[in-house]
Amino acid sequence: MSSRLDSLLELLTKEPDDAFLLYGIALEHMSIQNYQTAEDYFLKLFNVDPNYAAGYMQYALLKEKTGDIETARNIYKKGIETAKQSGDIHAANEMGEFLNELG
């Protein structure tokens, strides 16, 4: 494991419901292609903060990388809806572009 991942995991023991830490750990696992563990952390993230728009985009990208395109589409749609509800138009537009690229 990377030292950054180790540090994030250590911090998570002190703050187990910290959405930013869960997101960071998921991204670290994605970067080392540990996709199942990354997915587990994204799901934990959404349990803690279902409005974490950036999480939806990265989770959808993970599903794209693993070939689960239909699930990626659904995650983008949920992320777009979530981002719009929270007023994050930039994130909604960015996910919309990714969704359009999937066809």
N, C-alpha and C. Protein backbone atom coordinates (compact mmCIF):
# COMPACT_ATOMS: atom_id res chain seq x y z
N MET A 1 0.83 -1.20 0.00
CA MET A 1 0.00 0.00 0.00
C MET A 1 0.87 1.25 0.00
N SER A 2 0.30 2.29 -0.55
CA SER A 2 1.03 3.55 -0.58
C SER A 2 1.02 4.20 0.80
N SER A 3 1.99 5.04 1.03
CA SER A 3 2.02 5.74 2.31
C SER A 3 0.82 6.68 2.45
N ARG A 4 0.37 7.23 1.33
CA ARG A 4 -0.81 8.10 1.37
C ARG A 4 -2.04 7.29 1.79
N LEU A 5 -2.18 6.10 1.21
CA LEU A 5 -3.31 5.24 1.57
C LEU A 5 -3.23 4.84 3.03
N ASP A 6 -2.04 4.48 3.47
CA ASP A 6 -1.85 4.13 4.89
C ASP A 6 -2.26 5.29 5.80
N SER A 7 -1.86 6.49 5.42
CA SER A 7 -2.20 7.68 6.21
C SER A 7 -3.71 7.91 6.25
N LEU A 8 -4.35 7.76 5.10
CA LEU A 8 -5.80 7.96 5.04
C LEU A 8 -6.53 6.92 5.89
N LEU A 9 -6.08 5.67 5.80
CA LEU A 9 -6.71 4.62 6.60
C LEU A 9 -6.53 4.87 8.09
N GLU A 10 -5.37 5.38 8.46
CA GLU A 10 -5.13 5.70 9.87
C GLU A 10 -6.07 6.82 10.33
N LEU A 11 -6.20 7.84 9.51
CA LEU A 11 -7.11 8.94 9.85
C LEU A 11 -8.55 8.45 9.94
N LEU A 12 -8.91 7.49 9.08
CA LEU A 12 -10.27 6.98 9.08
C LEU A 12 -10.62 6.26 10.38
N THR A 13 -9.63 5.68 11.03
CA THR A 13 -9.91 5.02 12.32
C THR A 13 -10.37 6.03 13.35
N LYS A 14 -9.93 7.28 13.21
CA LYS A 14 -10.32 8.35 14.14
C LYS A 14 -11.62 9.02 13.72
N GLU A 15 -11.88 9.04 12.42
CA GLU A 15 -13.06 9.70 11.86
C GLU A 15 -13.74 8.77 10.85
N PRO A 16 -14.39 7.70 11.32
CA PRO A 16 -14.92 6.69 10.39
C PRO A 16 -16.03 7.16 9.46
N ASP A 17 -16.64 8.28 9.77
CA ASP A 17 -17.72 8.80 8.94
C ASP A 17 -17.31 10.05 8.17
N ASP A 18 -16.03 10.22 7.95
CA ASP A 18 -15.52 11.38 7.22
C ASP A 18 -15.61 11.10 5.72
N ALA A 19 -16.52 11.79 5.05
CA ALA A 19 -16.76 11.54 3.62
C ALA A 19 -15.52 11.81 2.78
N PHE A 20 -14.79 12.86 3.11
CA PHE A 20 -13.59 13.18 2.33
C PHE A 20 -12.56 12.06 2.43
N LEU A 21 -12.39 11.49 3.61
CA LEU A 21 -11.45 10.38 3.78
C LEU A 21 -11.92 9.15 3.02
N LEU A 22 -13.20 8.83 3.09
CA LEU A 22 -13.73 7.68 2.36
C LEU A 22 -13.51 7.85 0.86
N TYR A 23 -13.76 9.05 0.37
CA TYR A 23 -13.56 9.36 -1.04
C TYR A 23 -12.08 9.20 -1.42
N GLY A 24 -11.20 9.74 -0.60
CA GLY A 24 -9.77 9.65 -0.87
C GLY A 24 -9.27 8.21 -0.88
N ILE A 25 -9.77 7.41 0.04
CA ILE A 25 -9.37 6.01 0.10
C ILE A 25 -9.88 5.26 -1.13
N ALA A 26 -11.09 5.55 -1.54
CA ALA A 26 -11.63 4.93 -2.76
C ALA A 26 -10.75 5.29 -3.96
N LEU A 27 -10.36 6.55 -4.07
CA LEU A 27 -9.51 6.98 -5.20
C LEU A 27 -8.14 6.31 -5.15
N GLU A 28 -7.60 6.17 -3.96
CA GLU A 28 -6.30 5.49 -3.84
C GLU A 28 -6.40 4.03 -4.30
N HIS A 29 -7.46 3.38 -3.92
CA HIS A 29 -7.63 1.99 -4.36
C HIS A 29 -7.85 1.92 -5.87
N MET A 30 -8.55 2.89 -6.43
CA MET A 30 -8.70 2.93 -7.89
C MET A 30 -7.34 3.06 -8.57
N SER A 31 -6.49 3.90 -8.01
CA SER A 31 -5.20 4.18 -8.64
C SER A 31 -4.30 2.95 -8.67
N ILE A 32 -4.52 2.01 -7.75
CA ILE A 32 -3.73 0.78 -7.76
C ILE A 32 -4.55 -0.39 -8.32
N GLN A 33 -5.64 -0.04 -8.98
CA GLN A 33 -6.52 -1.00 -9.66
C GLN A 33 -7.10 -2.05 -8.72
N ASN A 34 -7.31 -1.67 -7.49
CA ASN A 34 -7.99 -2.52 -6.52
C ASN A 34 -9.46 -2.10 -6.54
N TYR A 35 -10.12 -2.47 -7.64
CA TYR A 35 -11.44 -1.93 -7.93
C TYR A 35 -12.52 -2.38 -6.95
N GLN A 36 -12.48 -3.61 -6.50
CA GLN A 36 -13.52 -4.07 -5.56
C GLN A 36 -13.46 -3.30 -4.25
N THR A 37 -12.26 -3.11 -3.74
CA THR A 37 -12.13 -2.35 -2.48
C THR A 37 -12.51 -0.89 -2.70
N ALA A 38 -12.15 -0.34 -3.85
CA ALA A 38 -12.56 1.03 -4.17
C ALA A 38 -14.08 1.13 -4.17
N GLU A 39 -14.73 0.17 -4.80
CA GLU A 39 -16.19 0.18 -4.83
C GLU A 39 -16.77 0.11 -3.42
N ASP A 40 -16.19 -0.72 -2.58
CA ASP A 40 -16.65 -0.82 -1.19
C ASP A 40 -16.59 0.54 -0.50
N TYR A 41 -15.50 1.28 -0.73
CA TYR A 41 -15.38 2.60 -0.10
C TYR A 41 -16.33 3.62 -0.71
N PHE A 42 -16.59 3.53 -2.01
CA PHE A 42 -17.59 4.43 -2.59
C PHE A 42 -18.96 4.17 -1.96
N LEU A 43 -19.31 2.92 -1.79
CA LEU A 43 -20.60 2.59 -1.18
C LEU A 43 -20.67 3.07 0.27
N LYS A 44 -19.58 2.95 1.00
CA LYS A 44 -19.53 3.50 2.36
C LYS A 44 -19.71 5.02 2.32
N LEU A 45 -19.05 5.66 1.36
CA LEU A 45 -19.17 7.11 1.19
C LEU A 45 -20.62 7.52 1.00
N PHE A 46 -21.33 6.81 0.12
CA PHE A 46 -22.72 7.19 -0.16
C PHE A 46 -23.64 6.91 1.03
N ASN A 47 -23.27 5.96 1.86
CA ASN A 47 -24.04 5.74 3.10
C ASN A 47 -23.85 6.90 4.07
N VAL A 48 -22.64 7.45 4.09
CA VAL A 48 -22.33 8.57 4.98
C VAL A 48 -22.85 9.89 4.40
N ASP A 49 -22.64 10.08 3.09
CA ASP A 49 -23.04 11.33 2.45
C ASP A 49 -23.56 11.04 1.04
N PRO A 50 -24.86 10.80 0.92
CA PRO A 50 -25.42 10.47 -0.39
C PRO A 50 -25.38 11.63 -1.39
N ASN A 51 -24.97 12.81 -0.96
CA ASN A 51 -24.90 13.97 -1.84
C ASN A 51 -23.49 14.30 -2.29
N TYR A 52 -22.54 13.41 -2.12
CA TYR A 52 -21.14 13.64 -2.48
C TYR A 52 -20.98 13.44 -3.99
N ALA A 53 -21.23 14.51 -4.75
CA ALA A 53 -21.31 14.43 -6.20
C ALA A 53 -20.05 13.88 -6.86
N ALA A 54 -18.89 14.31 -6.40
CA ALA A 54 -17.64 13.84 -7.01
C ALA A 54 -17.51 12.32 -6.87
N GLY A 55 -18.06 11.78 -5.81
CA GLY A 55 -18.02 10.33 -5.61
C GLY A 55 -18.76 9.59 -6.71
N TYR A 56 -19.89 10.14 -7.15
CA TYR A 56 -20.65 9.49 -8.21
C TYR A 56 -19.85 9.46 -9.51
N MET A 57 -19.19 10.56 -9.81
CA MET A 57 -18.43 10.61 -11.06
C MET A 57 -17.30 9.58 -11.03
N GLN A 58 -16.56 9.54 -9.94
CA GLN A 58 -15.44 8.60 -9.86
C GLN A 58 -15.92 7.15 -9.80
N TYR A 59 -17.02 6.92 -9.12
CA TYR A 59 -17.57 5.57 -9.05
C TYR A 59 -18.02 5.10 -10.44
N ALA A 60 -18.64 6.00 -11.19
CA ALA A 60 -19.05 5.66 -12.56
C ALA A 60 -17.82 5.36 -13.43
N LEU A 61 -16.77 6.15 -13.26
CA LEU A 61 -15.54 5.89 -14.01
C LEU A 61 -14.97 4.51 -13.66
N LEU A 62 -15.05 4.16 -12.39
CA LEU A 62 -14.60 2.83 -11.96
C LEU A 62 -15.40 1.75 -12.69
N LYS A 63 -16.72 1.92 -12.74
CA LYS A 63 -17.56 0.93 -13.41
C LYS A 63 -17.25 0.86 -14.90
N GLU A 64 -16.92 2.00 -15.50
CA GLU A 64 -16.49 1.99 -16.91
C GLU A 64 -15.22 1.15 -17.07
N LYS A 65 -14.25 1.37 -16.19
CA LYS A 65 -12.97 0.66 -16.27
C LYS A 65 -13.15 -0.85 -16.13
N THR A 66 -14.16 -1.25 -15.38
CA THR A 66 -14.38 -2.68 -15.18
C THR A 66 -15.36 -3.25 -16.20
N GLY A 67 -15.78 -2.41 -17.16
CA GLY A 67 -16.64 -2.88 -18.25
C GLY A 67 -18.12 -2.93 -17.94
N ASP A 68 -18.53 -2.41 -16.81
CA ASP A 68 -19.94 -2.41 -16.43
C ASP A 68 -20.57 -1.08 -16.86
N ILE A 69 -20.77 -0.95 -18.16
CA ILE A 69 -21.20 0.32 -18.75
C ILE A 69 -22.62 0.70 -18.33
N GLU A 70 -23.52 -0.26 -18.26
CA GLU A 70 -24.89 0.06 -17.88
C GLU A 70 -24.96 0.60 -16.46
N THR A 71 -24.21 0.00 -15.56
CA THR A 71 -24.17 0.51 -14.18
C THR A 71 -23.53 1.90 -14.16
N ALA A 72 -22.49 2.11 -14.96
CA ALA A 72 -21.86 3.42 -15.04
C ALA A 72 -22.88 4.47 -15.47
N ARG A 73 -23.69 4.15 -16.47
CA ARG A 73 -24.73 5.09 -16.93
C ARG A 73 -25.67 5.46 -15.78
N ASN A 74 -26.11 4.44 -15.06
CA ASN A 74 -27.04 4.69 -13.96
C ASN A 74 -26.41 5.53 -12.85
N ILE A 75 -25.14 5.29 -12.58
CA ILE A 75 -24.45 6.07 -11.56
C ILE A 75 -24.29 7.52 -12.02
N TYR A 76 -23.93 7.73 -13.29
CA TYR A 76 -23.85 9.10 -13.80
C TYR A 76 -25.20 9.81 -13.66
N LYS A 77 -26.28 9.12 -14.00
CA LYS A 77 -27.61 9.74 -13.91
C LYS A 77 -27.93 10.13 -12.47
N LYS A 78 -27.63 9.23 -11.54
CA LYS A 78 -27.86 9.53 -10.12
C LYS A 78 -26.96 10.70 -9.68
N GLY A 79 -25.72 10.70 -10.14
CA GLY A 79 -24.80 11.78 -9.80
C GLY A 79 -25.24 13.13 -10.34
N ILE A 80 -25.75 13.13 -11.57
CA ILE A 80 -26.24 14.37 -12.18
C ILE A 80 -27.41 14.92 -11.38
N GLU A 81 -28.33 14.04 -11.04
CA GLU A 81 -29.50 14.44 -10.24
C GLU A 81 -29.06 14.99 -8.88
N THR A 82 -28.13 14.29 -8.24
CA THR A 82 -27.64 14.71 -6.93
C THR A 82 -26.93 16.06 -7.02
N ALA A 83 -26.07 16.22 -8.03
CA ALA A 83 -25.33 17.47 -8.19
C ALA A 83 -26.28 18.64 -8.44
N LYS A 84 -27.28 18.42 -9.28
CA LYS A 84 -28.25 19.50 -9.56
C LYS A 84 -29.00 19.90 -8.30
N GLN A 85 -29.40 18.91 -7.51
CA GLN A 85 -30.15 19.20 -6.28
C GLN A 85 -29.32 20.00 -5.29
N SER A 86 -28.01 19.76 -5.30
CA SER A 86 -27.15 20.50 -4.36
C SER A 86 -26.59 21.78 -4.98
N GLY A 87 -26.97 22.08 -6.23
CA GLY A 87 -26.54 23.31 -6.88
C GLY A 87 -25.16 23.25 -7.51
N ASP A 88 -24.61 22.06 -7.64
CA ASP A 88 -23.29 21.90 -8.24
C ASP A 88 -23.43 21.65 -9.74
N ILE A 89 -23.70 22.71 -10.46
CA ILE A 89 -23.97 22.63 -11.90
C ILE A 89 -22.74 22.17 -12.66
N HIS A 90 -21.56 22.59 -12.23
CA HIS A 90 -20.32 22.17 -12.90
C HIS A 90 -20.19 20.65 -12.87
N ALA A 91 -20.38 20.04 -11.70
CA ALA A 91 -20.29 18.58 -11.59
C ALA A 91 -21.37 17.90 -12.42
N ALA A 92 -22.58 18.46 -12.40
CA ALA A 92 -23.67 17.88 -13.18
C ALA A 92 -23.34 17.91 -14.67
N ASN A 93 -22.81 19.04 -15.13
CA ASN A 93 -22.45 19.16 -16.54
C ASN A 93 -21.31 18.21 -16.93
N GLU A 94 -20.33 18.09 -16.05
CA GLU A 94 -19.20 17.21 -16.33
C GLU A 94 -19.66 15.75 -16.41
N MET A 95 -20.50 15.34 -15.49
CA MET A 95 -21.02 13.97 -15.54
C MET A 95 -21.90 13.77 -16.76
N GLY A 96 -22.63 14.81 -17.15
CA GLY A 96 -23.45 14.73 -18.36
C GLY A 96 -22.60 14.49 -19.60
N GLU A 97 -21.45 15.14 -19.66
CA GLU A 97 -20.54 14.93 -20.78
C GLU A 97 -20.02 13.49 -20.80
N PHE A 98 -19.64 12.98 -19.63
CA PHE A 98 -19.17 11.59 -19.56
C PHE A 98 -20.30 10.63 -19.97
N LEU A 99 -21.50 10.90 -19.52
CA LEU A 99 -22.65 10.06 -19.86
C LEU A 99 -22.89 10.08 -21.36
N ASN A 100 -22.81 11.24 -21.98
CA ASN A 100 -23.01 11.35 -23.44
C ASN A 100 -21.94 10.58 -24.21
N GLU A 101 -20.73 10.56 -23.70
CA GLU A 101 -19.66 9.83 -24.36
C GLU A 101 -19.90 8.32 -24.34
N LEU A 102 -20.65 7.86 -23.34
CA LEU A 102 -20.96 6.42 -23.30
C LEU A 102 -21.96 6.01 -24.37
N GLY A 103 -22.71 7.02 -24.86
CA GLY A 103 -23.67 6.74 -25.92
C GLY A 103 -25.00 6.26 -25.45
